[in-house]
Amino acid sequence: MKLIRTIRLDASDIFVFEKAAEPGEWAVSGAFAFWNRDPGVLEGKARTAFRSGFLGVSTLGWSTLVQIVKASEDDRLAVVDSLAKQLVVHFGAPTIEDAIVAAEEEVAFVQSLCTQPEDTLVAVNRTFEDGAVRESFRTLRPRNGAKPARAFSFLEVEGEEEPASEQLDLIAMAGRERK
C-alpha cells in the first residue's frame, strides 16, 4: 500500500502558505478545508492553499508537493484516526463516527492517487468551476532513477497540463512578509 507524505524541497512553502506543513507528515488532498468558503473570494495565502496545497494531517499545514511512499495498514489506520480527530476539533464533524467515515474516504482518495512508483512527487492544481471544486494532479519523477530530491532535478511531468493563471513572485512575497 502507498500513501503520501509532505516534502519540502525549498523554503517556499513557509512563505506562500499561512501555515506550512512539516516535512514528512502524512497528507491528504485537503480540498474539504474550503467547503464553507467561497473560493472565488479567497486572496493571498488562503488562495494559494486552495489552488496548490496538500493538507498535512498532523499540523493542518499546507505543502506544495507530496511524495508517494510505502505504508503499512497500521500507518493507514493512524492517518484515518488522526484525520478524524482533526475533523471533529477543527472542521465541525458532528461525531467521531462521522469523522472516521469522512477520513476513510479522504485516505481512500489519497490511495487512488498513488499509482506511480514510490518516491514520485505529486502536485495539485485546484480550481473552482461551475460551482464545483476541480482537482488535477501532476507527477514528477527524478531524472535517471531515484536520488535525493532537489528542487530543479525533475524532468518528467505526467498529468494534465494547465497553464498557470498567475505567477508567483517569491522574492516580492518574502519582502512583504518582513514589513
C-alpha atoms as a PDB file:
ATOM      1  CA  MET A   1       0.000   0.000   0.000  1.00  0.00           C
ATOM      2  CA  LYS A   2       1.121   3.548  -0.680  1.00  0.00           C
ATOM      3  CA  LEU A   3       0.166   6.898   0.846  1.00  0.00           C
ATOM      4  CA  ILE A   4       1.531  10.425   0.556  1.00  0.00           C
ATOM      5  CA  ARG A   5       3.817  12.433   2.816  1.00  0.00           C
ATOM      6  CA  THR A   6       4.625  16.110   2.610  1.00  0.00           C
ATOM      7  CA  ILE A   7       8.016  17.070   1.255  1.00  0.00           C
ATOM      8  CA  ARG A   8       9.794  20.411   1.297  1.00  0.00           C
ATOM      9  CA  LEU A   9      12.409  20.867  -1.430  1.00  0.00           C
ATOM     10  CA  ASP A  10      12.983  24.518  -0.556  1.00  0.00           C
ATOM     11  CA  ALA A  11      11.638  27.118   1.879  1.00  0.00           C
ATOM     12  CA  SER A  12       8.910  28.481  -0.424  1.00  0.00           C
ATOM     13  CA  ASP A  13       6.027  26.771   1.432  1.00  0.00           C
ATOM     14  CA  ILE A  14       6.915  28.807   4.521  1.00  0.00           C
ATOM     15  CA  PHE A  15       6.334  31.996   2.539  1.00  0.00           C
ATOM     16  CA  VAL A  16       3.369  31.090   0.351  1.00  0.00           C
ATOM     17  CA  PHE A  17       1.105  29.400   2.935  1.00  0.00           C
ATOM     18  CA  GLU A  18      -0.297  30.805   6.156  1.00  0.00           C
ATOM     19  CA  LYS A  19       0.919  27.619   7.837  1.00  0.00           C
ATOM     20  CA  ALA A  20       3.333  25.251   6.141  1.00  0.00           C
ATOM     21  CA  ALA A  21       3.165  21.525   6.776  1.00  0.00           C
ATOM     22  CA  GLU A  22       6.138  19.906   8.413  1.00  0.00           C
ATOM     23  CA  PRO A  23       8.234  17.819   6.027  1.00  0.00           C
ATOM     24  CA  GLY A  24       7.410  14.119   6.198  1.00  0.00           C
ATOM     25  CA  GLU A  25       3.931  14.267   7.706  1.00  0.00           C
ATOM     26  CA  TRP A  26       1.101  12.231   6.258  1.00  0.00           C
ATOM     27  CA  ALA A  27      -1.059  14.247   3.894  1.00  0.00           C
ATOM     28  CA  VAL A  28      -4.429  14.323   2.169  1.00  0.00           C
ATOM     29  CA  SER A  29      -5.714  16.416  -0.700  1.00  0.00           C
ATOM     30  CA  GLY A  30      -7.271  18.931   1.685  1.00  0.00           C
ATOM     31  CA  ALA A  31      -9.970  20.341  -0.605  1.00  0.00           C
ATOM     32  CA  PHE A  32     -12.507  19.772   2.177  1.00  0.00           C
ATOM     33  CA  ALA A  33     -10.812  22.512   4.208  1.00  0.00           C
ATOM     34  CA  PHE A  34     -12.531  25.012   1.893  1.00  0.00           C
ATOM     35  CA  TRP A  35     -16.034  23.515   1.963  1.00  0.00           C
ATOM     36  CA  ASN A  36     -17.597  26.509   3.715  1.00  0.00           C
ATOM     37  CA  ARG A  37     -15.646  29.218   1.881  1.00  0.00           C
ATOM     38  CA  ASP A  38     -16.221  30.860  -1.461  1.00  0.00           C
ATOM     39  CA  PRO A  39     -13.087  30.041  -3.490  1.00  0.00           C
ATOM     40  CA  GLY A  40     -13.830  32.990  -5.751  1.00  0.00           C
ATOM     41  CA  VAL A  41     -13.093  35.487  -2.996  1.00  0.00           C
ATOM     42  CA  LEU A  42     -10.035  33.822  -1.475  1.00  0.00           C
ATOM     43  CA  GLU A  43      -6.946  36.005  -1.526  1.00  0.00           C
ATOM     44  CA  GLY A  44      -3.265  35.744  -0.722  1.00  0.00           C
ATOM     45  CA  LYS A  45      -2.072  32.719   1.200  1.00  0.00           C
ATOM     46  CA  ALA A  46      -5.555  31.201   1.531  1.00  0.00           C
ATOM     47  CA  ARG A  47      -5.927  31.330  -2.245  1.00  0.00           C
ATOM     48  CA  THR A  48      -2.528  29.706  -2.698  1.00  0.00           C
ATOM     49  CA  ALA A  49      -3.502  26.899  -0.303  1.00  0.00           C
ATOM     50  CA  PHE A  50      -6.733  26.369  -2.219  1.00  0.00           C
ATOM     51  CA  ARG A  51      -5.023  26.374  -5.599  1.00  0.00           C
ATOM     52  CA  SER A  52      -1.965  24.253  -4.887  1.00  0.00           C
ATOM     53  CA  GLY A  53      -1.844  22.850  -1.376  1.00  0.00           C
ATOM     54  CA  PHE A  54      -1.919  19.385   0.125  1.00  0.00           C
ATOM     55  CA  LEU A  55      -3.019  19.317   3.765  1.00  0.00           C
ATOM     56  CA  GLY A  56      -0.675  17.831   6.354  1.00  0.00           C
ATOM     57  CA  VAL A  57      -2.748  15.681   8.703  1.00  0.00           C
ATOM     58  CA  SER A  58      -0.785  16.380  11.905  1.00  0.00           C
ATOM     59  CA  THR A  59      -0.282  20.135  11.681  1.00  0.00           C
ATOM     60  CA  LEU A  60      -3.081  21.119   9.274  1.00  0.00           C
ATOM     61  CA  GLY A  61      -0.355  22.974   7.419  1.00  0.00           C
ATOM     62  CA  TRP A  62      -0.018  23.085   3.639  1.00  0.00           C
ATOM     63  CA  SER A  63       2.567  21.607   1.295  1.00  0.00           C
ATOM     64  CA  THR A  64       3.055  22.278  -2.408  1.00  0.00           C
ATOM     65  CA  LEU A  65       4.388  18.780  -3.037  1.00  0.00           C
ATOM     66  CA  VAL A  66       3.858  15.346  -1.589  1.00  0.00           C
ATOM     67  CA  GLN A  67       5.830  12.174  -2.093  1.00  0.00           C
ATOM     68  CA  ILE A  68       4.368   8.729  -2.703  1.00  0.00           C
ATOM     69  CA  VAL A  69       5.695   6.376  -0.028  1.00  0.00           C
ATOM     70  CA  LYS A  70       5.188   2.798   1.054  1.00  0.00           C
ATOM     71  CA  ALA A  71       2.819   2.499   4.019  1.00  0.00           C
ATOM     72  CA  SER A  72       1.505  -0.244   6.253  1.00  0.00           C
ATOM     73  CA  GLU A  73      -2.061  -0.890   7.327  1.00  0.00           C
ATOM     74  CA  ASP A  74      -1.095   0.496  10.752  1.00  0.00           C
ATOM     75  CA  ASP A  75       0.067   3.705   9.031  1.00  0.00           C
ATOM     76  CA  ARG A  76      -3.236   3.961   7.164  1.00  0.00           C
ATOM     77  CA  LEU A  77      -5.228   3.446  10.345  1.00  0.00           C
ATOM     78  CA  ALA A  78      -3.136   6.075  12.143  1.00  0.00           C
ATOM     79  CA  VAL A  79      -3.779   8.589   9.339  1.00  0.00           C
ATOM     80  CA  VAL A  80      -7.528   7.875   9.472  1.00  0.00           C
ATOM     81  CA  ASP A  81      -7.566   8.231  13.263  1.00  0.00           C
ATOM     82  CA  SER A  82      -5.555  11.454  13.282  1.00  0.00           C
ATOM     83  CA  LEU A  83      -7.579  12.998  10.459  1.00  0.00           C
ATOM     84  CA  ALA A  84     -10.873  12.007  12.091  1.00  0.00           C
ATOM     85  CA  LYS A  85      -9.843  13.761  15.309  1.00  0.00           C
ATOM     86  CA  GLN A  86      -8.858  16.868  13.320  1.00  0.00           C
ATOM     87  CA  LEU A  87     -12.234  16.805  11.538  1.00  0.00           C
ATOM     88  CA  VAL A  88     -14.070  16.866  14.873  1.00  0.00           C
ATOM     89  CA  VAL A  89     -11.902  19.505  16.539  1.00  0.00           C
ATOM     90  CA  HIS A  90     -11.246  21.868  13.615  1.00  0.00           C
ATOM     91  CA  PHE A  91     -13.845  21.202  10.932  1.00  0.00           C
ATOM     92  CA  GLY A  92     -17.075  20.672  12.849  1.00  0.00           C
ATOM     93  CA  ALA A  93     -17.708  16.973  12.253  1.00  0.00           C
ATOM     94  CA  PRO A  94     -20.755  16.183  14.412  1.00  0.00           C
ATOM     95  CA  THR A  95     -19.431  12.880  15.809  1.00  0.00           C
ATOM     96  CA  ILE A  96     -16.213  10.900  15.755  1.00  0.00           C
ATOM     97  CA  GLU A  97     -18.054   8.161  13.866  1.00  0.00           C
ATOM     98  CA  ASP A  98     -18.979  10.618  11.091  1.00  0.00           C
ATOM     99  CA  ALA A  99     -15.426  11.914  11.093  1.00  0.00           C
ATOM    100  CA  ILE A 100     -13.997   8.405  10.721  1.00  0.00           C
ATOM    101  CA  VAL A 101     -16.204   7.787   7.674  1.00  0.00           C
ATOM    102  CA  ALA A 102     -15.039  11.066   6.106  1.00  0.00           C
ATOM    103  CA  ALA A 103     -11.389  10.355   6.984  1.00  0.00           C
ATOM    104  CA  GLU A 104     -11.639   6.877   5.436  1.00  0.00           C
ATOM    105  CA  GLU A 105     -12.927   8.481   2.220  1.00  0.00           C
ATOM    106  CA  GLU A 106     -10.081  11.016   2.181  1.00  0.00           C
ATOM    107  CA  VAL A 107      -7.465   8.315   2.702  1.00  0.00           C
ATOM    108  CA  ALA A 108      -9.058   6.094   0.031  1.00  0.00           C
ATOM    109  CA  PHE A 109      -8.838   9.044  -2.366  1.00  0.00           C
ATOM    110  CA  VAL A 110      -5.163   9.511  -1.475  1.00  0.00           C
ATOM    111  CA  GLN A 111      -4.539   5.826  -2.150  1.00  0.00           C
ATOM    112  CA  SER A 112      -6.135   6.224  -5.587  1.00  0.00           C
ATOM    113  CA  LEU A 113      -3.507   8.895  -6.367  1.00  0.00           C
ATOM    114  CA  CYS A 114      -0.637   6.545  -5.544  1.00  0.00           C
ATOM    115  CA  THR A 115      -0.485   4.580  -8.787  1.00  0.00           C
ATOM    116  CA  GLN A 116       3.032   5.787  -9.618  1.00  0.00           C
ATOM    117  CA  PRO A 117       6.248   4.316  -8.169  1.00  0.00           C
ATOM    118  CA  GLU A 118       7.430   5.172  -4.670  1.00  0.00           C
ATOM    119  CA  ASP A 119       9.325   8.470  -4.359  1.00  0.00           C
ATOM    120  CA  THR A 120       7.288  10.048  -7.152  1.00  0.00           C
ATOM    121  CA  LEU A 121       6.326  13.620  -6.284  1.00  0.00           C
ATOM    122  CA  VAL A 122       2.766  14.839  -6.797  1.00  0.00           C
ATOM    123  CA  ALA A 123       1.497  18.397  -7.241  1.00  0.00           C
ATOM    124  CA  VAL A 124      -2.135  19.555  -7.268  1.00  0.00           C
ATOM    125  CA  ASN A 125      -3.893  22.281  -9.194  1.00  0.00           C
ATOM    126  CA  ARG A 126      -7.296  23.107  -7.724  1.00  0.00           C
ATOM    127  CA  THR A 127      -9.871  25.317  -9.423  1.00  0.00           C
ATOM    128  CA  PHE A 128     -13.472  26.313  -8.821  1.00  0.00           C
ATOM    129  CA  GLU A 129     -15.576  25.892 -11.948  1.00  0.00           C
ATOM    130  CA  ASP A 130     -19.351  25.851 -12.406  1.00  0.00           C
ATOM    131  CA  GLY A 131     -19.926  25.674  -8.666  1.00  0.00           C
ATOM    132  CA  ALA A 132     -17.613  22.710  -8.104  1.00  0.00           C
ATOM    133  CA  VAL A 133     -14.028  22.229  -6.989  1.00  0.00           C
ATOM    134  CA  ARG A 134     -11.901  20.553  -9.636  1.00  0.00           C
ATOM    135  CA  GLU A 135      -8.551  18.974  -8.816  1.00  0.00           C
ATOM    136  CA  SER A 136      -5.911  17.867 -11.273  1.00  0.00           C
ATOM    137  CA  PHE A 137      -2.713  16.146 -10.233  1.00  0.00           C
ATOM    138  CA  ARG A 138       0.717  16.034 -11.840  1.00  0.00           C
ATOM    139  CA  THR A 139       3.550  13.706 -11.057  1.00  0.00           C
ATOM    140  CA  LEU A 140       7.246  14.487 -11.124  1.00  0.00           C
ATOM    141  CA  ARG A 141       9.855  11.776 -11.283  1.00  0.00           C
ATOM    142  CA  PRO A 142      13.571  12.177 -10.608  1.00  0.00           C
ATOM    143  CA  ARG A 143      15.891  12.111 -13.601  1.00  0.00           C
ATOM    144  CA  ASN A 144      17.846   8.891 -14.046  1.00  0.00           C
ATOM    145  CA  GLY A 145      16.161   6.989 -11.225  1.00  0.00           C
ATOM    146  CA  ALA A 146      15.701   7.732  -7.546  1.00  0.00           C
ATOM    147  CA  LYS A 147      18.133  10.165  -5.944  1.00  0.00           C
ATOM    148  CA  PRO A 148      17.788  12.655  -3.122  1.00  0.00           C
ATOM    149  CA  ALA A 149      15.282  15.246  -4.323  1.00  0.00           C
ATOM    150  CA  ARG A 150      16.404  18.750  -5.216  1.00  0.00           C
ATOM    151  CA  ALA A 151      14.041  21.427  -6.448  1.00  0.00           C
ATOM    152  CA  PHE A 152      15.403  21.565 -10.004  1.00  0.00           C
ATOM    153  CA  SER A 153      16.315  17.926 -10.588  1.00  0.00           C
ATOM    154  CA  PHE A 154      12.991  16.821 -12.085  1.00  0.00           C
ATOM    155  CA  LEU A 155      12.367  16.240 -15.743  1.00  0.00           C
ATOM    156  CA  GLU A 156       9.293  14.119 -16.404  1.00  0.00           C
ATOM    157  CA  VAL A 157       5.868  15.605 -15.804  1.00  0.00           C
ATOM    158  CA  GLU A 158       2.764  13.486 -16.155  1.00  0.00           C
ATOM    159  CA  GLY A 159      -0.831  14.539 -15.880  1.00  0.00           C
ATOM    160  CA  GLU A 160      -2.990  17.303 -17.145  1.00  0.00           C
ATOM    161  CA  GLU A 161      -1.044  20.322 -18.245  1.00  0.00           C
ATOM    162  CA  GLU A 162      -2.802  23.555 -17.401  1.00  0.00           C
ATOM    163  CA  PRO A 163      -1.321  26.982 -17.908  1.00  0.00           C
ATOM    164  CA  ALA A 164      -0.761  28.917 -14.719  1.00  0.00           C
ATOM    165  CA  SER A 165      -3.340  31.644 -14.370  1.00  0.00           C
ATOM    166  CA  GLU A 166      -0.985  33.815 -12.370  1.00  0.00           C
ATOM    167  CA  GLN A 167       2.673  33.861 -11.482  1.00  0.00           C
ATOM    168  CA  LEU A 168       4.134  33.897  -8.001  1.00  0.00           C
ATOM    169  CA  ASP A 169       6.972  36.256  -7.218  1.00  0.00           C
ATOM    170  CA  LEU A 170       8.502  34.603  -4.145  1.00  0.00           C
ATOM    171  CA  ILE A 171      11.067  37.346  -3.640  1.00  0.00           C
ATOM    172  CA  ALA A 172       8.384  40.026  -3.561  1.00  0.00           C
ATOM    173  CA  MET A 173       6.241  37.890  -1.246  1.00  0.00           C
ATOM    174  CA  ALA A 174       9.151  37.398   1.134  1.00  0.00           C
ATOM    175  CA  GLY A 175       9.730  41.168   1.185  1.00  0.00           C
ATOM    176  CA  ARG A 176       6.082  41.790   2.067  1.00  0.00           C
ATOM    177  CA  GLU A 177       6.298  39.279   4.924  1.00  0.00           C
ATOM    178  CA  ARG A 178       9.126  41.187   6.582  1.00  0.00           C
ATOM    179  CA  LYS A 179       7.276  44.508   6.702  1.00  0.00           C
END
